[in-house]
């Protein structure tokens, strides 16, 4: 039975990833910062994890025996247009959650995933694409996702003989972050991303893809 780890699984995309992989017979380990009855109802292994606790992130592999797939999904928006010192601190916290924590987690589980010939995936956003930014705003979120993209690209290059890596844009999805007016339901977004993950080969490693499989410019 293949094993996968999904962060930020208490709601939205993370919960849907956990639900779909569990339904397909995967051994799912899901992390959440807060209690989630919906997640616990899936009868999977749930681990408490705060993405701001970098020591816990860097040692998370100690809780695992094997792993085929990491999906680093947890994220936060942060201040849209930081102007004060306090907002600058929030911006730094956004980098910790969206960029530093996923990378440290990937490094922690890398030996396990490498042993399985598996995959390291991070959920990013098209809003992190410099080429696609024509509207501005959302400074903390955009910059932290751009940094995540760069970190994951380097992760792919530095470990090309061990694992496959990719960053995925889920589309505009009906989650707490995406809002109710978003055109995509979580089920469709996650189903699409799973297809991309499944088809990921050496030639795609280090790439930036949308949930529909199209490549996104950096």
Protein backbone atom coordinates (compact mmCIF):
# COMPACT_ATOMS: atom_id res chain seq x y z
CA UNK A 1 0.00 0.00 0.00
CA UNK A 2 1.57 3.34 -1.03
CA UNK A 3 1.89 6.02 1.64
CA UNK A 4 1.30 9.76 1.28
CA UNK A 5 1.58 12.81 3.54
CA UNK A 6 -0.66 15.84 3.11
CA UNK A 7 -0.34 19.04 5.17
CA UNK A 8 -3.12 21.50 5.93
CA UNK A 9 -5.72 18.75 5.67
CA UNK A 10 -8.35 20.03 8.07
CA UNK A 11 -10.40 21.65 5.28
CA UNK A 12 -10.50 22.65 1.61
CA UNK A 13 -8.02 21.13 -0.80
CA UNK A 14 -6.08 19.31 1.89
CA UNK A 15 -9.18 17.55 3.16
CA UNK A 16 -10.18 16.61 -0.39
CA UNK A 17 -6.71 15.22 -1.14
CA UNK A 18 -6.91 13.09 2.01
CA UNK A 19 -10.41 11.91 1.12
CA UNK A 20 -9.56 10.92 -2.45
CA UNK A 21 -6.27 9.17 -1.69
CA UNK A 22 -7.80 7.29 1.25
CA UNK A 23 -10.70 6.17 -0.96
CA UNK A 24 -8.18 4.77 -3.45
CA UNK A 25 -6.48 2.67 -0.79
CA UNK A 26 -3.47 4.82 0.05
CA UNK A 27 -2.02 4.88 3.54
CA UNK A 28 -2.70 8.55 4.30
CA UNK A 29 -1.01 10.65 6.97
CA UNK A 30 -2.73 14.02 7.23
CA UNK A 31 -1.57 16.97 9.29
CA UNK A 32 -3.62 19.80 10.69
CA UNK A 33 -3.03 22.59 13.16
CA UNK A 34 -6.57 22.36 14.54
CA UNK A 35 -9.09 19.63 15.33
CA UNK A 36 -11.19 18.63 12.30
CA UNK A 37 -14.15 16.24 12.72
CA UNK A 38 -14.39 15.88 8.93
CA UNK A 39 -10.76 14.82 8.68
CA UNK A 40 -10.92 12.43 11.60
CA UNK A 41 -14.07 10.84 10.13
CA UNK A 42 -11.96 9.54 7.24
CA UNK A 43 -10.36 6.95 9.53
CA UNK A 44 -6.84 7.89 8.48
CA UNK A 45 -3.81 8.80 10.56
CA UNK A 46 -3.98 12.45 11.67
CA UNK A 47 -0.98 14.26 13.14
CA UNK A 48 -1.09 17.66 14.79
CA UNK A 49 1.37 20.01 13.10
CA UNK A 50 1.71 23.77 13.14
CA UNK A 51 3.54 24.99 10.03
CA UNK A 52 5.06 27.78 12.11
CA UNK A 53 6.88 25.23 14.29
CA UNK A 54 9.96 24.80 12.13
CA UNK A 55 11.68 22.42 14.55
CA UNK A 56 8.71 20.04 14.39
CA UNK A 57 8.66 20.38 10.60
CA UNK A 58 12.36 19.61 10.21
CA UNK A 59 12.07 16.45 12.30
CA UNK A 60 8.70 15.22 11.01
CA UNK A 61 10.19 12.22 9.20
CA UNK A 62 10.87 10.71 12.63
CA UNK A 63 7.11 10.02 12.84
CA UNK A 64 7.07 8.03 9.59
CA UNK A 65 8.24 4.59 8.50
CA UNK A 66 7.86 4.99 4.73
CA UNK A 67 6.57 7.55 2.26
CA UNK A 68 5.88 7.60 -1.48
CA UNK A 69 4.34 11.04 -1.88
CA UNK A 70 4.45 14.38 -0.08
CA UNK A 71 1.87 17.04 -0.88
CA UNK A 72 2.83 20.25 0.91
CA UNK A 73 -0.54 22.00 0.85
CA UNK A 74 -0.78 24.15 3.98
CA UNK A 75 -0.58 27.88 3.34
CA UNK A 76 -1.68 31.35 4.41
CA UNK A 77 -2.41 34.67 2.70
CA UNK A 78 -0.66 37.18 4.94
CA UNK A 79 -1.05 40.96 4.59
CA UNK A 80 -2.13 42.21 1.17
CA UNK A 81 -0.17 45.46 1.25
CA UNK A 82 2.14 45.61 4.28
CA UNK A 83 3.04 49.09 5.45
CA UNK A 84 3.80 48.82 9.17
CA UNK A 85 6.41 46.97 11.14
CA UNK A 86 3.74 44.65 12.54
CA UNK A 87 2.56 43.84 9.02
CA UNK A 88 6.16 43.24 8.04
CA UNK A 89 6.37 40.65 10.80
CA UNK A 90 3.20 39.03 9.42
CA UNK A 91 4.85 38.99 6.00
CA UNK A 92 7.83 37.14 7.46
CA UNK A 93 5.45 34.66 9.06
CA UNK A 94 3.82 34.14 5.66
CA UNK A 95 7.25 33.22 4.25
CA UNK A 96 7.77 30.80 7.14
CA UNK A 97 4.49 28.99 6.48
CA UNK A 98 4.37 29.15 2.66
CA UNK A 99 8.05 28.76 1.77
CA UNK A 100 10.39 27.71 4.57
CA UNK A 101 8.18 25.09 6.22
CA UNK A 102 7.34 23.17 3.02
CA UNK A 103 10.99 23.08 1.99
CA UNK A 104 12.16 21.90 5.43
CA UNK A 105 9.47 19.23 5.42
CA UNK A 106 10.57 18.07 1.97
CA UNK A 107 14.16 17.83 3.17
CA UNK A 108 13.05 15.89 6.23
CA UNK A 109 11.14 13.23 4.28
CA UNK A 110 13.51 13.20 1.29
CA UNK A 111 15.36 9.99 2.35
CA UNK A 112 12.05 8.13 2.71
CA UNK A 113 10.60 9.40 -0.56
CA UNK A 114 13.91 8.83 -2.34
CA UNK A 115 14.01 5.24 -1.12
CA UNK A 116 10.54 4.73 -2.61
CA UNK A 117 11.40 6.51 -5.87
CA UNK A 118 8.54 8.86 -5.04
CA UNK A 119 7.43 12.44 -5.54
CA UNK A 120 7.56 15.76 -3.69
CA UNK A 121 4.74 18.13 -4.59
CA UNK A 122 3.97 21.62 -3.30
CA UNK A 123 0.68 23.43 -3.82
CA UNK A 124 1.55 26.89 -5.07
CA UNK A 125 -0.48 29.48 -6.98
CA UNK A 126 -0.49 31.22 -10.31
CA UNK A 127 -0.33 34.35 -8.18
CA UNK A 128 3.30 33.40 -7.55
CA UNK A 129 4.10 33.68 -11.25
CA UNK A 130 6.03 36.89 -11.96
CA UNK A 131 5.15 36.66 -15.63
CA UNK A 132 1.43 36.36 -14.86
CA UNK A 133 1.23 39.26 -12.40
CA UNK A 134 -0.72 41.97 -14.17
CA UNK A 135 -2.89 43.12 -11.27
CA UNK A 136 -0.50 43.62 -8.34
CA UNK A 137 -1.52 43.38 -4.70
CA UNK A 138 -1.42 40.39 -2.36
CA UNK A 139 2.25 41.14 -1.69
CA UNK A 140 2.92 38.60 1.07
CA UNK A 141 1.12 35.75 -0.67
CA UNK A 142 2.58 36.41 -4.13
CA UNK A 143 6.16 36.81 -2.93
CA UNK A 144 6.05 33.75 -0.66
CA UNK A 145 4.66 31.56 -3.44
CA UNK A 146 7.27 32.85 -5.89
CA UNK A 147 9.93 31.93 -3.34
CA UNK A 148 8.33 28.50 -2.87
CA UNK A 149 8.50 27.95 -6.63
CA UNK A 150 12.20 28.78 -6.68
CA UNK A 151 12.93 26.58 -3.66
CA UNK A 152 11.10 23.64 -5.22
CA UNK A 153 12.87 24.10 -8.54
CA UNK A 154 16.20 23.89 -6.73
CA UNK A 155 14.92 20.88 -4.78
CA UNK A 156 14.23 19.14 -8.08
CA UNK A 157 17.64 19.99 -9.54
CA UNK A 158 19.57 19.09 -6.40
CA UNK A 159 17.85 15.70 -6.10
CA UNK A 160 17.12 14.77 -9.72
CA UNK A 161 18.52 11.27 -9.29
CA UNK A 162 16.40 10.56 -6.19
CA UNK A 163 12.89 12.03 -6.49
CA UNK A 164 10.49 13.83 -8.83
CA UNK A 165 9.31 17.31 -7.82
CA UNK A 166 6.67 19.75 -9.03
CA UNK A 167 4.66 22.78 -7.91
CA UNK A 168 0.96 22.76 -8.76
CA UNK A 169 -1.59 25.55 -9.17
CA UNK A 170 -5.02 24.28 -8.06
CA UNK A 171 -7.01 26.89 -9.97
CA UNK A 172 -9.50 29.26 -8.36
CA UNK A 173 -11.29 26.89 -6.00
CA UNK A 174 -14.31 27.15 -3.71
CA UNK A 175 -12.43 27.04 -0.42
CA UNK A 176 -12.20 29.44 2.51
CA UNK A 177 -9.25 31.06 0.77
CA UNK A 178 -10.78 31.05 -2.72
CA UNK A 179 -14.28 32.11 -1.70
CA UNK A 180 -17.72 30.86 -2.70
CA UNK A 181 -17.69 32.65 -6.08
CA UNK A 182 -14.73 30.59 -7.35
CA UNK A 183 -15.59 28.53 -10.45
CA UNK A 184 -13.94 25.26 -9.35
CA UNK A 185 -15.12 22.76 -6.78
CA UNK A 186 -12.40 21.09 -4.66
CA UNK A 187 -13.24 17.66 -6.07
CA UNK A 188 -12.47 18.72 -9.66
CA UNK A 189 -9.30 20.61 -8.72
CA UNK A 190 -7.89 17.74 -6.68
CA UNK A 191 -8.83 15.13 -9.28
CA UNK A 192 -6.97 17.17 -11.88
CA UNK A 193 -3.89 17.63 -9.70
CA UNK A 194 -3.81 13.94 -8.95
CA UNK A 195 -3.66 13.21 -12.66
CA UNK A 196 -0.74 15.62 -13.01
CA UNK A 197 1.04 13.98 -10.08
CA UNK A 198 0.45 10.52 -11.49
CA UNK A 199 1.84 11.50 -14.91
CA UNK A 200 4.87 13.35 -13.50
CA UNK A 201 8.05 11.96 -15.04
CA UNK A 202 11.72 12.99 -15.13
CA UNK A 203 11.13 15.42 -17.99
CA UNK A 204 8.47 17.29 -15.94
CA UNK A 205 10.39 17.33 -12.66
CA UNK A 206 10.96 20.87 -11.44
CA UNK A 207 7.98 22.16 -13.42
CA UNK A 208 5.09 24.51 -12.58
CA UNK A 209 1.73 23.09 -13.66
CA UNK A 210 -1.95 23.93 -13.41
CA UNK A 211 -4.52 21.41 -12.19
CA UNK A 212 -5.47 20.78 -15.83
CA UNK A 213 -1.90 19.80 -16.75
CA UNK A 214 -0.97 22.98 -18.60
CA UNK A 215 2.44 24.48 -17.85
CA UNK A 216 2.53 27.87 -16.14
CA UNK A 217 5.26 30.47 -16.84
CA UNK A 218 7.46 31.36 -13.90
